[in-house]
Amino acid sequence: MVLYRRNLVAGGTYFFTVALRDRSADVLVRHVGLLRDAFRTVRAERPFTIDAIVILPDHLHAIWTLPDGDADYSGRWRAIKSHFTRELRTSGMPLTPDNRGEYRLWQRRFLRLAQDRFGAYDSR
């Protein structure tokens, strides 16, 4: 079993790259309204600040700052990805689950860098 080391900084600022599994897809820009709704919904439930975001056809880059005492960026990404996937299916996009019951839309992991108190990003 692989153990991933996460640099959890409560109230920290993080840079993310999140990608679709199919790197030739354009789902994120074609359905940017649904993606925006997913972010809006999750931010209402679990607040965080989006300092910057770039949406490209097959991946996105984002810089977030989490509230003081909170380091759960993974839970937020899980909720955003789930909400977006659910809305795509509701809109009629043909997505089928794999043998784990997961829809093969997103890459399973994402790149994350944490900003330290001096403003430098650390990939650990």
N, C-alpha and C. Protein backbone atom coordinates (compact mmCIF):
# COMPACT_ATOMS: atom_id res chain seq x y z
N MET A 1 0.84 -1.18 0.00
CA MET A 1 0.00 0.00 0.00
C MET A 1 0.88 1.24 0.00
N VAL A 2 0.55 2.17 -0.85
CA VAL A 2 1.30 3.42 -0.94
C VAL A 2 0.76 4.40 0.09
N LEU A 3 1.66 5.00 0.84
CA LEU A 3 1.26 6.03 1.79
C LEU A 3 1.65 7.38 1.22
N TYR A 4 0.67 8.24 1.06
CA TYR A 4 0.94 9.58 0.53
C TYR A 4 1.16 10.53 1.69
N ARG A 5 2.21 11.29 1.59
CA ARG A 5 2.52 12.26 2.63
C ARG A 5 1.89 13.59 2.25
N ARG A 6 1.04 14.08 3.10
CA ARG A 6 0.36 15.34 2.83
C ARG A 6 0.85 16.40 3.79
N ASN A 7 1.14 17.55 3.24
CA ASN A 7 1.54 18.69 4.05
C ASN A 7 0.28 19.45 4.42
N LEU A 8 -0.25 19.22 5.60
CA LEU A 8 -1.48 19.85 6.03
C LEU A 8 -1.16 21.09 6.84
N VAL A 9 -1.53 22.23 6.31
CA VAL A 9 -1.31 23.51 6.99
C VAL A 9 -2.68 24.12 7.24
N ALA A 10 -3.13 24.06 8.49
CA ALA A 10 -4.43 24.62 8.83
C ALA A 10 -4.44 26.11 8.51
N GLY A 11 -5.44 26.54 7.76
CA GLY A 11 -5.52 27.94 7.37
C GLY A 11 -4.52 28.33 6.30
N GLY A 12 -3.92 27.33 5.67
CA GLY A 12 -2.87 27.58 4.69
C GLY A 12 -3.39 27.93 3.32
N THR A 13 -2.46 28.30 2.46
CA THR A 13 -2.74 28.59 1.06
C THR A 13 -2.11 27.48 0.23
N TYR A 14 -2.89 26.94 -0.71
CA TYR A 14 -2.46 25.79 -1.50
C TYR A 14 -2.62 26.06 -2.99
N PHE A 15 -1.70 25.52 -3.78
CA PHE A 15 -1.81 25.53 -5.23
C PHE A 15 -2.16 24.12 -5.67
N PHE A 16 -3.15 23.97 -6.55
CA PHE A 16 -3.59 22.66 -7.02
C PHE A 16 -3.60 22.59 -8.54
N THR A 17 -3.31 21.41 -9.05
CA THR A 17 -3.61 21.06 -10.43
C THR A 17 -4.49 19.82 -10.37
N VAL A 18 -5.69 19.92 -10.93
CA VAL A 18 -6.65 18.81 -10.93
C VAL A 18 -6.98 18.53 -12.39
N ALA A 19 -6.88 17.25 -12.79
CA ALA A 19 -7.02 16.91 -14.21
C ALA A 19 -8.10 15.85 -14.44
N LEU A 20 -8.66 15.91 -15.64
CA LEU A 20 -9.55 14.85 -16.10
C LEU A 20 -8.72 13.63 -16.46
N ARG A 21 -9.33 12.49 -16.39
CA ARG A 21 -8.64 11.26 -16.77
C ARG A 21 -8.30 11.26 -18.26
N ASP A 22 -9.25 11.72 -19.07
CA ASP A 22 -9.03 11.82 -20.51
C ASP A 22 -8.47 13.20 -20.82
N ARG A 23 -7.16 13.26 -21.05
CA ARG A 23 -6.50 14.54 -21.25
C ARG A 23 -6.81 15.17 -22.60
N SER A 24 -7.59 14.50 -23.44
CA SER A 24 -8.00 15.11 -24.71
C SER A 24 -9.43 15.67 -24.63
N ALA A 25 -10.06 15.55 -23.47
CA ALA A 25 -11.44 16.01 -23.30
C ALA A 25 -11.50 17.53 -23.11
N ASP A 26 -12.68 18.08 -23.36
CA ASP A 26 -12.89 19.52 -23.14
C ASP A 26 -14.07 19.77 -22.20
N VAL A 27 -14.35 18.81 -21.36
CA VAL A 27 -15.52 18.83 -20.48
C VAL A 27 -15.53 20.04 -19.55
N LEU A 28 -14.39 20.44 -19.03
CA LEU A 28 -14.38 21.52 -18.06
C LEU A 28 -14.80 22.85 -18.66
N VAL A 29 -14.39 23.15 -19.88
CA VAL A 29 -14.81 24.41 -20.50
C VAL A 29 -16.19 24.29 -21.16
N ARG A 30 -16.51 23.12 -21.65
CA ARG A 30 -17.82 22.92 -22.27
C ARG A 30 -18.94 23.00 -21.23
N HIS A 31 -18.64 22.60 -20.00
CA HIS A 31 -19.64 22.59 -18.93
C HIS A 31 -19.17 23.46 -17.76
N VAL A 32 -18.58 24.59 -18.08
CA VAL A 32 -18.02 25.46 -17.03
C VAL A 32 -19.10 25.97 -16.07
N GLY A 33 -20.33 26.12 -16.54
CA GLY A 33 -21.42 26.54 -15.65
C GLY A 33 -21.67 25.52 -14.55
N LEU A 34 -21.65 24.24 -14.92
CA LEU A 34 -21.84 23.18 -13.91
C LEU A 34 -20.65 23.14 -12.94
N LEU A 35 -19.46 23.36 -13.47
CA LEU A 35 -18.27 23.38 -12.61
C LEU A 35 -18.36 24.56 -11.64
N ARG A 36 -18.78 25.72 -12.13
CA ARG A 36 -18.94 26.89 -11.28
C ARG A 36 -19.96 26.61 -10.17
N ASP A 37 -21.06 25.95 -10.53
CA ASP A 37 -22.08 25.59 -9.53
C ASP A 37 -21.52 24.65 -8.48
N ALA A 38 -20.69 23.71 -8.90
CA ALA A 38 -20.08 22.77 -7.95
C ALA A 38 -19.21 23.53 -6.94
N PHE A 39 -18.40 24.45 -7.44
CA PHE A 39 -17.57 25.25 -6.54
C PHE A 39 -18.45 26.08 -5.60
N ARG A 40 -19.46 26.71 -6.13
CA ARG A 40 -20.34 27.56 -5.33
C ARG A 40 -21.02 26.76 -4.22
N THR A 41 -21.52 25.58 -4.57
CA THR A 41 -22.20 24.73 -3.59
C THR A 41 -21.27 24.30 -2.47
N VAL A 42 -20.08 23.83 -2.84
CA VAL A 42 -19.13 23.35 -1.83
C VAL A 42 -18.64 24.51 -0.96
N ARG A 43 -18.38 25.67 -1.56
CA ARG A 43 -17.94 26.83 -0.78
C ARG A 43 -19.01 27.28 0.21
N ALA A 44 -20.28 27.11 -0.12
CA ALA A 44 -21.36 27.47 0.81
C ALA A 44 -21.38 26.53 2.01
N GLU A 45 -21.05 25.25 1.78
CA GLU A 45 -21.06 24.25 2.85
C GLU A 45 -19.77 24.25 3.66
N ARG A 46 -18.64 24.43 2.98
CA ARG A 46 -17.32 24.35 3.61
C ARG A 46 -16.46 25.49 3.07
N PRO A 47 -16.57 26.65 3.65
CA PRO A 47 -15.95 27.86 3.10
C PRO A 47 -14.44 27.75 2.87
N PHE A 48 -13.99 28.39 1.82
CA PHE A 48 -12.59 28.60 1.52
C PHE A 48 -12.53 29.73 0.52
N THR A 49 -11.37 30.33 0.39
CA THR A 49 -11.19 31.44 -0.55
C THR A 49 -10.49 30.93 -1.80
N ILE A 50 -11.03 31.28 -2.94
CA ILE A 50 -10.36 31.00 -4.21
C ILE A 50 -9.56 32.25 -4.55
N ASP A 51 -8.25 32.17 -4.37
CA ASP A 51 -7.38 33.31 -4.65
C ASP A 51 -7.17 33.47 -6.15
N ALA A 52 -7.13 32.37 -6.87
CA ALA A 52 -6.98 32.40 -8.33
C ALA A 52 -7.40 31.04 -8.87
N ILE A 53 -7.90 31.04 -10.10
CA ILE A 53 -8.27 29.78 -10.74
C ILE A 53 -8.17 29.95 -12.25
N VAL A 54 -7.70 28.91 -12.91
CA VAL A 54 -7.63 28.87 -14.38
C VAL A 54 -8.27 27.55 -14.80
N ILE A 55 -9.30 27.65 -15.63
CA ILE A 55 -10.00 26.47 -16.13
C ILE A 55 -9.55 26.24 -17.57
N LEU A 56 -9.00 25.10 -17.83
CA LEU A 56 -8.57 24.69 -19.17
C LEU A 56 -9.45 23.51 -19.60
N PRO A 57 -9.42 23.12 -20.86
CA PRO A 57 -10.34 22.05 -21.31
C PRO A 57 -10.25 20.76 -20.50
N ASP A 58 -9.06 20.32 -20.14
CA ASP A 58 -8.90 19.01 -19.50
C ASP A 58 -8.32 19.07 -18.09
N HIS A 59 -8.01 20.25 -17.59
CA HIS A 59 -7.52 20.36 -16.23
C HIS A 59 -7.71 21.79 -15.73
N LEU A 60 -7.50 21.97 -14.45
CA LEU A 60 -7.59 23.31 -13.88
C LEU A 60 -6.47 23.52 -12.88
N HIS A 61 -6.13 24.77 -12.68
CA HIS A 61 -5.17 25.18 -11.66
C HIS A 61 -5.91 26.10 -10.71
N ALA A 62 -5.67 25.96 -9.42
CA ALA A 62 -6.35 26.81 -8.45
C ALA A 62 -5.43 27.11 -7.28
N ILE A 63 -5.60 28.28 -6.72
CA ILE A 63 -4.94 28.65 -5.46
C ILE A 63 -6.05 28.94 -4.47
N TRP A 64 -6.04 28.20 -3.38
CA TRP A 64 -7.04 28.34 -2.33
C TRP A 64 -6.37 28.72 -1.02
N THR A 65 -7.12 29.45 -0.21
CA THR A 65 -6.74 29.67 1.19
C THR A 65 -7.87 29.11 2.04
N LEU A 66 -7.51 28.24 2.95
CA LEU A 66 -8.50 27.61 3.83
C LEU A 66 -8.67 28.45 5.10
N PRO A 67 -9.81 28.29 5.77
CA PRO A 67 -10.04 29.03 7.01
C PRO A 67 -9.04 28.60 8.11
N ASP A 68 -8.81 29.49 9.06
CA ASP A 68 -7.95 29.16 10.19
C ASP A 68 -8.43 27.88 10.86
N GLY A 69 -7.49 27.01 11.19
CA GLY A 69 -7.81 25.77 11.87
C GLY A 69 -8.33 24.66 10.97
N ASP A 70 -8.36 24.88 9.67
CA ASP A 70 -8.92 23.90 8.73
C ASP A 70 -7.87 23.57 7.66
N ALA A 71 -7.62 22.28 7.46
CA ALA A 71 -6.65 21.84 6.45
C ALA A 71 -7.23 20.80 5.50
N ASP A 72 -8.55 20.65 5.49
CA ASP A 72 -9.18 19.58 4.70
C ASP A 72 -9.48 20.01 3.27
N TYR A 73 -8.43 20.16 2.48
CA TYR A 73 -8.63 20.47 1.06
C TYR A 73 -9.11 19.24 0.31
N SER A 74 -8.69 18.05 0.72
CA SER A 74 -9.10 16.82 0.03
C SER A 74 -10.61 16.61 0.07
N GLY A 75 -11.21 16.86 1.22
CA GLY A 75 -12.66 16.72 1.33
C GLY A 75 -13.40 17.68 0.43
N ARG A 76 -12.87 18.89 0.31
CA ARG A 76 -13.48 19.88 -0.57
C ARG A 76 -13.36 19.45 -2.04
N TRP A 77 -12.17 18.98 -2.44
CA TRP A 77 -12.01 18.52 -3.83
C TRP A 77 -12.92 17.33 -4.10
N ARG A 78 -13.01 16.41 -3.15
CA ARG A 78 -13.89 15.24 -3.34
C ARG A 78 -15.33 15.71 -3.57
N ALA A 79 -15.78 16.69 -2.78
CA ALA A 79 -17.15 17.19 -2.91
C ALA A 79 -17.35 17.92 -4.24
N ILE A 80 -16.39 18.73 -4.66
CA ILE A 80 -16.49 19.45 -5.94
C ILE A 80 -16.55 18.46 -7.10
N LYS A 81 -15.63 17.49 -7.10
CA LYS A 81 -15.62 16.50 -8.18
C LYS A 81 -16.91 15.70 -8.21
N SER A 82 -17.40 15.29 -7.04
CA SER A 82 -18.64 14.50 -6.97
C SER A 82 -19.83 15.30 -7.47
N HIS A 83 -19.93 16.55 -7.03
CA HIS A 83 -21.05 17.40 -7.44
C HIS A 83 -21.03 17.61 -8.96
N PHE A 84 -19.87 17.94 -9.50
CA PHE A 84 -19.75 18.18 -10.94
C PHE A 84 -20.10 16.92 -11.73
N THR A 85 -19.59 15.78 -11.31
CA THR A 85 -19.87 14.51 -11.98
C THR A 85 -21.37 14.20 -11.94
N ARG A 86 -21.98 14.37 -10.79
CA ARG A 86 -23.42 14.13 -10.64
C ARG A 86 -24.23 15.03 -11.58
N GLU A 87 -23.85 16.30 -11.64
CA GLU A 87 -24.57 17.24 -12.50
C GLU A 87 -24.37 16.91 -13.98
N LEU A 88 -23.19 16.45 -14.35
CA LEU A 88 -22.96 16.02 -15.74
C LEU A 88 -23.87 14.85 -16.10
N ARG A 89 -23.96 13.89 -15.19
CA ARG A 89 -24.83 12.73 -15.44
C ARG A 89 -26.28 13.16 -15.55
N THR A 90 -26.71 14.07 -14.67
CA THR A 90 -28.08 14.58 -14.70
C THR A 90 -28.38 15.30 -16.02
N SER A 91 -27.38 15.97 -16.56
CA SER A 91 -27.57 16.71 -17.82
C SER A 91 -27.56 15.79 -19.04
N GLY A 92 -27.30 14.49 -18.82
CA GLY A 92 -27.37 13.52 -19.91
C GLY A 92 -26.03 13.04 -20.43
N MET A 93 -24.94 13.48 -19.85
CA MET A 93 -23.63 13.01 -20.32
C MET A 93 -23.49 11.53 -19.97
N PRO A 94 -23.13 10.71 -20.94
CA PRO A 94 -23.03 9.27 -20.68
C PRO A 94 -21.74 8.92 -19.92
N LEU A 95 -21.86 8.75 -18.65
CA LEU A 95 -20.74 8.31 -17.81
C LEU A 95 -21.14 6.99 -17.18
N THR A 96 -20.25 6.02 -17.26
CA THR A 96 -20.54 4.72 -16.65
C THR A 96 -19.51 4.44 -15.57
N PRO A 97 -19.97 3.81 -14.50
CA PRO A 97 -19.04 3.51 -13.40
C PRO A 97 -18.11 2.35 -13.76
N ASP A 98 -16.92 2.38 -13.15
CA ASP A 98 -15.98 1.27 -13.32
C ASP A 98 -16.30 0.20 -12.28
N ASN A 99 -15.44 -0.80 -12.15
CA ASN A 99 -15.71 -1.90 -11.22
C ASN A 99 -15.67 -1.48 -9.76
N ARG A 100 -15.15 -0.30 -9.46
CA ARG A 100 -15.17 0.23 -8.09
C ARG A 100 -16.39 1.10 -7.82
N GLY A 101 -17.18 1.34 -8.87
CA GLY A 101 -18.33 2.21 -8.74
C GLY A 101 -18.00 3.68 -8.96
N GLU A 102 -16.76 3.95 -9.40
CA GLU A 102 -16.33 5.32 -9.65
C GLU A 102 -16.51 5.64 -11.13
N TYR A 103 -16.86 6.88 -11.40
CA TYR A 103 -16.99 7.32 -12.78
C TYR A 103 -15.61 7.75 -13.27
N ARG A 104 -15.27 7.35 -14.47
CA ARG A 104 -13.92 7.56 -14.99
C ARG A 104 -13.76 8.94 -15.62
N LEU A 105 -14.11 9.96 -14.86
CA LEU A 105 -14.01 11.32 -15.35
C LEU A 105 -12.73 12.00 -14.89
N TRP A 106 -12.40 11.87 -13.62
CA TRP A 106 -11.27 12.57 -13.02
C TRP A 106 -10.08 11.65 -12.81
N GLN A 107 -8.90 12.22 -12.86
CA GLN A 107 -7.72 11.48 -12.37
C GLN A 107 -7.89 11.32 -10.87
N ARG A 108 -7.39 10.24 -10.34
CA ARG A 108 -7.63 9.94 -8.93
C ARG A 108 -6.86 10.84 -7.97
N ARG A 109 -5.72 11.30 -8.36
CA ARG A 109 -4.90 12.16 -7.49
C ARG A 109 -4.83 13.56 -8.08
N PHE A 110 -4.30 14.48 -7.31
CA PHE A 110 -4.08 15.82 -7.82
C PHE A 110 -2.77 16.34 -7.26
N LEU A 111 -2.18 17.27 -7.98
CA LEU A 111 -0.94 17.90 -7.53
C LEU A 111 -1.30 19.01 -6.56
N ARG A 112 -0.60 19.08 -5.45
CA ARG A 112 -0.86 20.07 -4.45
C ARG A 112 0.46 20.59 -3.89
N LEU A 113 0.56 21.89 -3.77
CA LEU A 113 1.70 22.54 -3.14
C LEU A 113 1.17 23.41 -2.02
N ALA A 114 1.85 23.43 -0.89
CA ALA A 114 1.42 24.26 0.24
C ALA A 114 2.35 25.46 0.38
N GLN A 115 1.77 26.59 0.69
CA GLN A 115 2.56 27.79 0.89
C GLN A 115 2.92 27.88 2.38
N ASP A 116 4.20 28.10 2.65
CA ASP A 116 4.60 28.24 4.04
C ASP A 116 4.42 29.69 4.49
N ARG A 117 4.74 29.98 5.73
CA ARG A 117 4.51 31.31 6.27
C ARG A 117 5.39 32.38 5.64
N PHE A 118 6.39 31.96 4.87
CA PHE A 118 7.25 32.93 4.19
C PHE A 118 6.82 33.17 2.74
N GLY A 119 5.74 32.50 2.32
CA GLY A 119 5.23 32.70 0.98
C GLY A 119 5.79 31.75 -0.07
N ALA A 120 6.63 30.80 0.34
CA ALA A 120 7.20 29.84 -0.61
C ALA A 120 6.29 28.60 -0.67
N TYR A 121 6.20 28.00 -1.85
CA TYR A 121 5.40 26.78 -2.01
C TYR A 121 6.30 25.56 -1.85
N ASP A 122 5.74 24.54 -1.19
CA ASP A 122 6.46 23.32 -0.88
C ASP A 122 5.63 22.15 -1.39
N SER A 123 6.23 21.27 -2.19
CA SER A 123 5.48 20.16 -2.78
C SER A 123 5.33 18.96 -1.87
N ARG A 124 5.83 19.01 -0.65
CA ARG A 124 5.70 17.86 0.24
C ARG A 124 4.30 17.69 0.72
